[in-house]
Amino acid sequence: MLTLANDGVLRVNMWTRIVREARQYAAKRFIERYPNIGKGVFEACEGKRYIYDMTEKAAEIMESILSVLGYAKLSGVHIEI
């Protein structure tokens, strides 16, 4: 990503990647929980679990992208990922 400007790329739509991968991750986690949903396991049945999984993955991807772009250097705050 750091060298895209050198290749003539002016803009990158990172949201498409973030949303696609976050949804895929959440769906995979849902499928893994599915047997426990039928058994009534509370954690598996939690209605917001899909959204939590998707948000968790989206944040992870955003942190990775911002790290590659060097945003921590601009803020003066050091973040370990």
PDB file of N, CA and C in Angstrom:
ATOM      1  N   MET A   1       0.806  -1.202   0.000  1.00  0.00           N
ATOM      2  CA  MET A   1       0.000   0.000   0.000  1.00  0.00           C
ATOM      3  C   MET A   1       0.847   1.263   0.000  1.00  0.00           C
ATOM      4  N   LEU A   2       2.006   1.177   0.606  1.00  0.00           N
ATOM      5  CA  LEU A   2       2.835   2.373   0.705  1.00  0.00           C
ATOM      6  C   LEU A   2       3.348   2.856  -0.646  1.00  0.00           C
ATOM      7  N   THR A   3       3.442   1.962  -1.610  1.00  0.00           N
ATOM      8  CA  THR A   3       3.992   2.342  -2.911  1.00  0.00           C
ATOM      9  C   THR A   3       2.924   2.535  -3.982  1.00  0.00           C
ATOM     10  N   LEU A   4       1.665   2.498  -3.621  1.00  0.00           N
ATOM     11  CA  LEU A   4       0.603   2.654  -4.616  1.00  0.00           C
ATOM     12  C   LEU A   4       0.673   3.999  -5.330  1.00  0.00           C
ATOM     13  N   ALA A   5       1.003   5.061  -4.615  1.00  0.00           N
ATOM     14  CA  ALA A   5       1.096   6.387  -5.239  1.00  0.00           C
ATOM     15  C   ALA A   5       2.173   6.390  -6.329  1.00  0.00           C
ATOM     16  N   ASN A   6       3.244   5.670  -6.098  1.00  0.00           N
ATOM     17  CA  ASN A   6       4.303   5.583  -7.108  1.00  0.00           C
ATOM     18  C   ASN A   6       3.822   4.883  -8.378  1.00  0.00           C
ATOM     19  N   ASP A   7       2.792   4.059  -8.238  1.00  0.00           N
ATOM     20  CA  ASP A   7       2.210   3.349  -9.386  1.00  0.00           C
ATOM     21  C   ASP A   7       1.075   4.140 -10.023  1.00  0.00           C
ATOM     22  N   GLY A   8       0.817   5.329  -9.540  1.00  0.00           N
ATOM     23  CA  GLY A   8      -0.228   6.170 -10.103  1.00  0.00           C
ATOM     24  C   GLY A   8      -1.594   6.021  -9.450  1.00  0.00           C
ATOM     25  N   VAL A   9      -1.683   5.248  -8.382  1.00  0.00           N
ATOM     26  CA  VAL A   9      -2.958   5.058  -7.689  1.00  0.00           C
ATOM     27  C   VAL A   9      -3.213   6.276  -6.806  1.00  0.00           C
ATOM     28  N   LEU A  10      -4.368   6.889  -6.982  1.00  0.00           N
ATOM     29  CA  LEU A  10      -4.705   8.087  -6.218  1.00  0.00           C
ATOM     30  C   LEU A  10      -5.592   7.785  -5.014  1.00  0.00           C
ATOM     31  N   ARG A  11      -6.463   6.790  -5.162  1.00  0.00           N
ATOM     32  CA  ARG A  11      -7.399   6.441  -4.093  1.00  0.00           C
ATOM     33  C   ARG A  11      -7.523   4.938  -3.973  1.00  0.00           C
ATOM     34  N   VAL A  12      -7.809   4.504  -2.754  1.00  0.00           N
ATOM     35  CA  VAL A  12      -8.034   3.084  -2.494  1.00  0.00           C
ATOM     36  C   VAL A  12      -9.297   2.976  -1.659  1.00  0.00           C
ATOM     37  N   ASN A  13     -10.201   2.096  -2.067  1.00  0.00           N
ATOM     38  CA  ASN A  13     -11.419   1.878  -1.304  1.00  0.00           C
ATOM     39  C   ASN A  13     -11.177   0.746  -0.314  1.00  0.00           C
ATOM     40  N   MET A  14     -10.721   1.090   0.875  1.00  0.00           N
ATOM     41  CA  MET A  14     -10.433   0.062   1.874  1.00  0.00           C
ATOM     42  C   MET A  14     -11.704  -0.467   2.519  1.00  0.00           C
ATOM     43  N   TRP A  15     -12.794   0.282   2.440  1.00  0.00           N
ATOM     44  CA  TRP A  15     -14.046  -0.138   3.086  1.00  0.00           C
ATOM     45  C   TRP A  15     -14.602  -1.397   2.451  1.00  0.00           C
ATOM     46  N   THR A  16     -14.440  -1.554   1.140  1.00  0.00           N
ATOM     47  CA  THR A  16     -14.918  -2.763   0.475  1.00  0.00           C
ATOM     48  C   THR A  16     -14.231  -3.983   1.066  1.00  0.00           C
ATOM     49  N   ARG A  17     -12.940  -3.921   1.211  1.00  0.00           N
ATOM     50  CA  ARG A  17     -12.193  -5.045   1.792  1.00  0.00           C
ATOM     51  C   ARG A  17     -12.613  -5.277   3.228  1.00  0.00           C
ATOM     52  N   ILE A  18     -12.698  -4.211   4.002  1.00  0.00           N
ATOM     53  CA  ILE A  18     -13.039  -4.348   5.417  1.00  0.00           C
ATOM     54  C   ILE A  18     -14.407  -5.005   5.588  1.00  0.00           C
ATOM     55  N   VAL A  19     -15.401  -4.501   4.885  1.00  0.00           N
ATOM     56  CA  VAL A  19     -16.758  -5.036   5.023  1.00  0.00           C
ATOM     57  C   VAL A  19     -16.835  -6.478   4.528  1.00  0.00           C
ATOM     58  N   ARG A  20     -16.247  -6.758   3.376  1.00  0.00           N
ATOM     59  CA  ARG A  20     -16.299  -8.113   2.821  1.00  0.00           C
ATOM     60  C   ARG A  20     -15.651  -9.123   3.760  1.00  0.00           C
ATOM     61  N   GLU A  21     -14.448  -8.828   4.220  1.00  0.00           N
ATOM     62  CA  GLU A  21     -13.739  -9.773   5.072  1.00  0.00           C
ATOM     63  C   GLU A  21     -14.376  -9.891   6.460  1.00  0.00           C
ATOM     64  N   ALA A  22     -14.900  -8.794   6.975  1.00  0.00           N
ATOM     65  CA  ALA A  22     -15.554  -8.839   8.282  1.00  0.00           C
ATOM     66  C   ALA A  22     -16.825  -9.686   8.217  1.00  0.00           C
ATOM     67  N   ARG A  23     -17.594  -9.540   7.140  1.00  0.00           N
ATOM     68  CA  ARG A  23     -18.809 -10.354   6.985  1.00  0.00           C
ATOM     69  C   ARG A  23     -18.466 -11.826   6.810  1.00  0.00           C
ATOM     70  N   GLN A  24     -17.437 -12.117   6.039  1.00  0.00           N
ATOM     71  CA  GLN A  24     -17.019 -13.510   5.852  1.00  0.00           C
ATOM     72  C   GLN A  24     -16.595 -14.125   7.183  1.00  0.00           C
ATOM     73  N   TYR A  25     -15.862 -13.369   7.968  1.00  0.00           N
ATOM     74  CA  TYR A  25     -15.415 -13.838   9.285  1.00  0.00           C
ATOM     75  C   TYR A  25     -16.615 -14.106  10.192  1.00  0.00           C
ATOM     76  N   ALA A  26     -17.564 -13.171  10.236  1.00  0.00           N
ATOM     77  CA  ALA A  26     -18.745 -13.328  11.086  1.00  0.00           C
ATOM     78  C   ALA A  26     -19.578 -14.532  10.647  1.00  0.00           C
ATOM     79  N   ALA A  27     -19.716 -14.734   9.347  1.00  0.00           N
ATOM     80  CA  ALA A  27     -20.471 -15.884   8.845  1.00  0.00           C
ATOM     81  C   ALA A  27     -19.786 -17.195   9.219  1.00  0.00           C
ATOM     82  N   LYS A  28     -18.466 -17.225   9.110  1.00  0.00           N
ATOM     83  CA  LYS A  28     -17.706 -18.426   9.489  1.00  0.00           C
ATOM     84  C   LYS A  28     -17.904 -18.729  10.967  1.00  0.00           C
ATOM     85  N   ARG A  29     -17.833 -17.692  11.790  1.00  0.00           N
ATOM     86  CA  ARG A  29     -18.035 -17.878  13.239  1.00  0.00           C
ATOM     87  C   ARG A  29     -19.453 -18.359  13.540  1.00  0.00           C
ATOM     88  N   PHE A  30     -20.457 -17.852  12.794  1.00  0.00           N
ATOM     89  CA  PHE A  30     -21.833 -18.290  12.976  1.00  0.00           C
ATOM     90  C   PHE A  30     -21.962 -19.784  12.665  1.00  0.00           C
ATOM     91  N   ILE A  31     -21.357 -20.203  11.566  1.00  0.00           N
ATOM     92  CA  ILE A  31     -21.413 -21.618  11.179  1.00  0.00           C
ATOM     93  C   ILE A  31     -20.754 -22.495  12.249  1.00  0.00           C
ATOM     94  N   GLU A  32     -19.654 -22.014  12.824  1.00  0.00           N
ATOM     95  CA  GLU A  32     -18.985 -22.755  13.898  1.00  0.00           C
ATOM     96  C   GLU A  32     -19.874 -22.862  15.139  1.00  0.00           C
ATOM     97  N   ARG A  33     -20.671 -21.839  15.404  1.00  0.00           N
ATOM     98  CA  ARG A  33     -21.561 -21.828  16.579  1.00  0.00           C
ATOM     99  C   ARG A  33     -22.874 -22.560  16.343  1.00  0.00           C
ATOM    100  N   TYR A  34     -23.212 -22.811  15.098  1.00  0.00           N
ATOM    101  CA  TYR A  34     -24.528 -23.332  14.751  1.00  0.00           C
ATOM    102  C   TYR A  34     -24.950 -24.568  15.558  1.00  0.00           C
ATOM    103  N   PRO A  35     -24.082 -25.576  15.735  1.00  0.00           N
ATOM    104  CA  PRO A  35     -24.500 -26.741  16.530  1.00  0.00           C
ATOM    105  C   PRO A  35     -24.913 -26.367  17.963  1.00  0.00           C
ATOM    106  N   ASN A  36     -24.241 -25.395  18.540  1.00  0.00           N
ATOM    107  CA  ASN A  36     -24.565 -24.980  19.906  1.00  0.00           C
ATOM    108  C   ASN A  36     -25.822 -24.121  19.967  1.00  0.00           C
ATOM    109  N   ILE A  37     -26.166 -23.484  18.874  1.00  0.00           N
ATOM    110  CA  ILE A  37     -27.401 -22.697  18.834  1.00  0.00           C
ATOM    111  C   ILE A  37     -28.590 -23.632  19.028  1.00  0.00           C
ATOM    112  N   GLY A  38     -28.569 -24.767  18.325  1.00  0.00           N
ATOM    113  CA  GLY A  38     -29.636 -25.754  18.451  1.00  0.00           C
ATOM    114  C   GLY A  38     -29.742 -26.341  19.849  1.00  0.00           C
ATOM    115  N   LYS A  39     -28.620 -26.355  20.559  1.00  0.00           N
ATOM    116  CA  LYS A  39     -28.604 -26.882  21.929  1.00  0.00           C
ATOM    117  C   LYS A  39     -29.003 -25.828  22.957  1.00  0.00           C
ATOM    118  N   GLY A  40     -29.172 -24.580  22.516  1.00  0.00           N
ATOM    119  CA  GLY A  40     -29.573 -23.516  23.425  1.00  0.00           C
ATOM    120  C   GLY A  40     -28.445 -22.928  24.264  1.00  0.00           C
ATOM    121  N   VAL A  41     -27.202 -23.123  23.831  1.00  0.00           N
ATOM    122  CA  VAL A  41     -26.060 -22.548  24.554  1.00  0.00           C
ATOM    123  C   VAL A  41     -26.148 -21.024  24.440  1.00  0.00           C
ATOM    124  N   PHE A  42     -26.206 -20.357  25.593  1.00  0.00           N
ATOM    125  CA  PHE A  42     -26.475 -18.917  25.616  1.00  0.00           C
ATOM    126  C   PHE A  42     -25.520 -18.114  24.758  1.00  0.00           C
ATOM    127  N   GLU A  43     -24.212 -18.340  24.898  1.00  0.00           N
ATOM    128  CA  GLU A  43     -23.226 -17.564  24.147  1.00  0.00           C
ATOM    129  C   GLU A  43     -23.407 -17.733  22.645  1.00  0.00           C
ATOM    130  N   ALA A  44     -23.779 -18.935  22.209  1.00  0.00           N
ATOM    131  CA  ALA A  44     -23.977 -19.194  20.786  1.00  0.00           C
ATOM    132  C   ALA A  44     -25.247 -18.520  20.276  1.00  0.00           C
ATOM    133  N   CYS A  45     -26.238 -18.393  21.156  1.00  0.00           N
ATOM    134  CA  CYS A  45     -27.541 -17.829  20.765  1.00  0.00           C
ATOM    135  C   CYS A  45     -27.608 -16.309  20.888  1.00  0.00           C
ATOM    136  N   GLU A  46     -26.616 -15.695  21.463  1.00  0.00           N
ATOM    137  CA  GLU A  46     -26.613 -14.240  21.658  1.00  0.00           C
ATOM    138  C   GLU A  46     -26.928 -13.550  20.338  1.00  0.00           C
ATOM    139  N   GLY A  47     -27.984 -12.781  20.315  1.00  0.00           N
ATOM    140  CA  GLY A  47     -28.465 -12.153  19.093  1.00  0.00           C
ATOM    141  C   GLY A  47     -27.494 -11.189  18.440  1.00  0.00           C
ATOM    142  N   LYS A  48     -26.641 -10.558  19.218  1.00  0.00           N
ATOM    143  CA  LYS A  48     -25.716  -9.564  18.667  1.00  0.00           C
ATOM    144  C   LYS A  48     -24.340 -10.150  18.372  1.00  0.00           C
ATOM    145  N   ARG A  49     -24.152 -11.438  18.559  1.00  0.00           N
ATOM    146  CA  ARG A  49     -22.847 -12.062  18.383  1.00  0.00           C
ATOM    147  C   ARG A  49     -22.305 -11.873  16.959  1.00  0.00           C
ATOM    148  N   TYR A  50     -23.177 -11.974  15.950  1.00  0.00           N
ATOM    149  CA  TYR A  50     -22.754 -11.790  14.559  1.00  0.00           C
ATOM    150  C   TYR A  50     -22.182 -10.384  14.373  1.00  0.00           C
ATOM    151  N   ILE A  51     -22.883  -9.385  14.913  1.00  0.00           N
ATOM    152  CA  ILE A  51     -22.425  -7.994  14.798  1.00  0.00           C
ATOM    153  C   ILE A  51     -21.122  -7.799  15.565  1.00  0.00           C
ATOM    154  N   TYR A  52     -21.021  -8.406  16.755  1.00  0.00           N
ATOM    155  CA  TYR A  52     -19.781  -8.297  17.531  1.00  0.00           C
ATOM    156  C   TYR A  52     -18.608  -8.896  16.757  1.00  0.00           C
ATOM    157  N   ASP A  53     -18.825 -10.087  16.174  1.00  0.00           N
ATOM    158  CA  ASP A  53     -17.753 -10.731  15.409  1.00  0.00           C
ATOM    159  C   ASP A  53     -17.338  -9.874  14.218  1.00  0.00           C
ATOM    160  N   MET A  54     -18.329  -9.321  13.520  1.00  0.00           N
ATOM    161  CA  MET A  54     -18.042  -8.493  12.352  1.00  0.00           C
ATOM    162  C   MET A  54     -17.281  -7.225  12.760  1.00  0.00           C
ATOM    163  N   THR A  55     -17.700  -6.595  13.837  1.00  0.00           N
ATOM    164  CA  THR A  55     -17.048  -5.372  14.312  1.00  0.00           C
ATOM    165  C   THR A  55     -15.622  -5.649  14.767  1.00  0.00           C
ATOM    166  N   GLU A  56     -15.443  -6.758  15.468  1.00  0.00           N
ATOM    167  CA  GLU A  56     -14.107  -7.148  15.936  1.00  0.00           C
ATOM    168  C   GLU A  56     -13.142  -7.320  14.765  1.00  0.00           C
ATOM    169  N   LYS A  57     -13.594  -8.011  13.730  1.00  0.00           N
ATOM    170  CA  LYS A  57     -12.739  -8.254  12.559  1.00  0.00           C
ATOM    171  C   LYS A  57     -12.492  -6.958  11.791  1.00  0.00           C
ATOM    172  N   ALA A  58     -13.518  -6.126  11.641  1.00  0.00           N
ATOM    173  CA  ALA A  58     -13.352  -4.856  10.933  1.00  0.00           C
ATOM    174  C   ALA A  58     -12.314  -3.978  11.637  1.00  0.00           C
ATOM    175  N   ALA A  59     -12.373  -3.922  12.965  1.00  0.00           N
ATOM    176  CA  ALA A  59     -11.410  -3.126  13.727  1.00  0.00           C
ATOM    177  C   ALA A  59      -9.998  -3.669  13.543  1.00  0.00           C
ATOM    178  N   GLU A  60      -9.869  -4.985  13.540  1.00  0.00           N
ATOM    179  CA  GLU A  60      -8.555  -5.613  13.342  1.00  0.00           C
ATOM    180  C   GLU A  60      -7.975  -5.233  11.973  1.00  0.00           C
ATOM    181  N   ILE A  61      -8.801  -5.291  10.945  1.00  0.00           N
ATOM    182  CA  ILE A  61      -8.337  -4.946   9.594  1.00  0.00           C
ATOM    183  C   ILE A  61      -7.983  -3.458   9.518  1.00  0.00           C
ATOM    184  N   MET A  62      -8.816  -2.598  10.111  1.00  0.00           N
ATOM    185  CA  MET A  62      -8.530  -1.153  10.098  1.00  0.00           C
ATOM    186  C   MET A  62      -7.218  -0.842  10.803  1.00  0.00           C
ATOM    187  N   GLU A  63      -6.986  -1.488  11.937  1.00  0.00           N
ATOM    188  CA  GLU A  63      -5.724  -1.268  12.657  1.00  0.00           C
ATOM    189  C   GLU A  63      -4.542  -1.688  11.797  1.00  0.00           C
ATOM    190  N   SER A  64      -4.687  -2.782  11.094  1.00  0.00           N
ATOM    191  CA  SER A  64      -3.623  -3.260  10.221  1.00  0.00           C
ATOM    192  C   SER A  64      -3.339  -2.261   9.098  1.00  0.00           C
ATOM    193  N   ILE A  65      -4.396  -1.767   8.465  1.00  0.00           N
ATOM    194  CA  ILE A  65      -4.237  -0.796   7.376  1.00  0.00           C
ATOM    195  C   ILE A  65      -3.602   0.491   7.890  1.00  0.00           C
ATOM    196  N   LEU A  66      -4.082   0.991   9.016  1.00  0.00           N
ATOM    197  CA  LEU A  66      -3.526   2.234   9.566  1.00  0.00           C
ATOM    198  C   LEU A  66      -2.075   2.054   9.981  1.00  0.00           C
ATOM    199  N   SER A  67      -1.724   0.865  10.436  1.00  0.00           N
ATOM    200  CA  SER A  67      -0.336   0.582  10.789  1.00  0.00           C
ATOM    201  C   SER A  67       0.556   0.633   9.543  1.00  0.00           C
ATOM    202  N   VAL A  68       0.084   0.028   8.451  1.00  0.00           N
ATOM    203  CA  VAL A  68       0.847   0.039   7.190  1.00  0.00           C
ATOM    204  C   VAL A  68       1.034   1.474   6.701  1.00  0.00           C
ATOM    205  N   LEU A  69       0.001   2.287   6.874  1.00  0.00           N
ATOM    206  CA  LEU A  69       0.068   3.676   6.412  1.00  0.00           C
ATOM    207  C   LEU A  69       0.852   4.590   7.356  1.00  0.00           C
ATOM    208  N   GLY A  70       1.228   4.073   8.517  1.00  0.00           N
ATOM    209  CA  GLY A  70       2.041   4.849   9.444  1.00  0.00           C
ATOM    210  C   GLY A  70       1.285   5.896  10.245  1.00  0.00           C
ATOM    211  N   TYR A  71      -0.002   5.686  10.473  1.00  0.00           N
ATOM    212  CA  TYR A  71      -0.788   6.679  11.198  1.00  0.00           C
ATOM    213  C   TYR A  71      -0.318   6.879  12.632  1.00  0.00           C
ATOM    214  N   ALA A  72       0.216   5.853  13.256  1.00  0.00           N
ATOM    215  CA  ALA A  72       0.708   5.991  14.630  1.00  0.00           C
ATOM    216  C   ALA A  72       1.839   7.016  14.699  1.00  0.00           C
ATOM    217  N   LYS A  73       2.668   7.080  13.654  1.00  0.00           N
ATOM    218  CA  LYS A  73       3.769   8.046  13.616  1.00  0.00           C
ATOM    219  C   LYS A  73       3.241   9.480  13.584  1.00  0.00           C
ATOM    220  N   LEU A  74       2.115   9.676  12.901  1.00  0.00           N
ATOM    221  CA  LEU A  74       1.554  11.015  12.806  1.00  0.00           C
ATOM    222  C   LEU A  74       0.978  11.509  14.132  1.00  0.00           C
ATOM    223  N   SER A  75       0.466  10.579  14.930  1.00  0.00           N
ATOM    224  CA  SER A  75      -0.172  10.973  16.191  1.00  0.00           C
ATOM    225  C   SER A  75       0.831  11.113  17.325  1.00  0.00           C
ATOM    226  N   GLY A  76       2.009  10.541  17.148  1.00  0.00           N
ATOM    227  CA  GLY A  76       3.004  10.579  18.210  1.00  0.00           C
ATOM    228  C   GLY A  76       2.757   9.507  19.268  1.00  0.00           C
ATOM    229  N   VAL A  77       1.779   8.632  19.023  1.00  0.00           N
ATOM    230  CA  VAL A  77       1.456   7.550  19.955  1.00  0.00           C
ATOM    231  C   VAL A  77       1.943   6.245  19.357  1.00  0.00           C
ATOM    232  N   HIS A  78       2.634   5.466  20.161  1.00  0.00           N
ATOM    233  CA  HIS A  78       3.143   4.174  19.684  1.00  0.00           C
ATOM    234  C   HIS A  78       2.117   3.083  20.013  1.00  0.00           C
ATOM    235  N   ILE A  79       1.690   2.352  18.996  1.00  0.00           N
ATOM    236  CA  ILE A  79       0.699   1.282  19.180  1.00  0.00           C
ATOM    237  C   ILE A  79       1.298  -0.019  18.675  1.00  0.00           C
ATOM    238  N   GLU A  80       1.291  -1.049  19.523  1.00  0.00           N
ATOM    239  CA  GLU A  80       1.751  -2.382  19.129  1.00  0.00           C
ATOM    240  C   GLU A  80       0.565  -3.170  18.611  1.00  0.00           C
ATOM    241  N   ILE A  81       0.707  -3.762  17.425  1.00  0.00           N
ATOM    242  CA  ILE A  81      -0.370  -4.582  16.864  1.00  0.00           C
ATOM    243  C   ILE A  81       0.137  -5.987  16.669  1.00  0.00           C
TER     244      ILE A  81
END
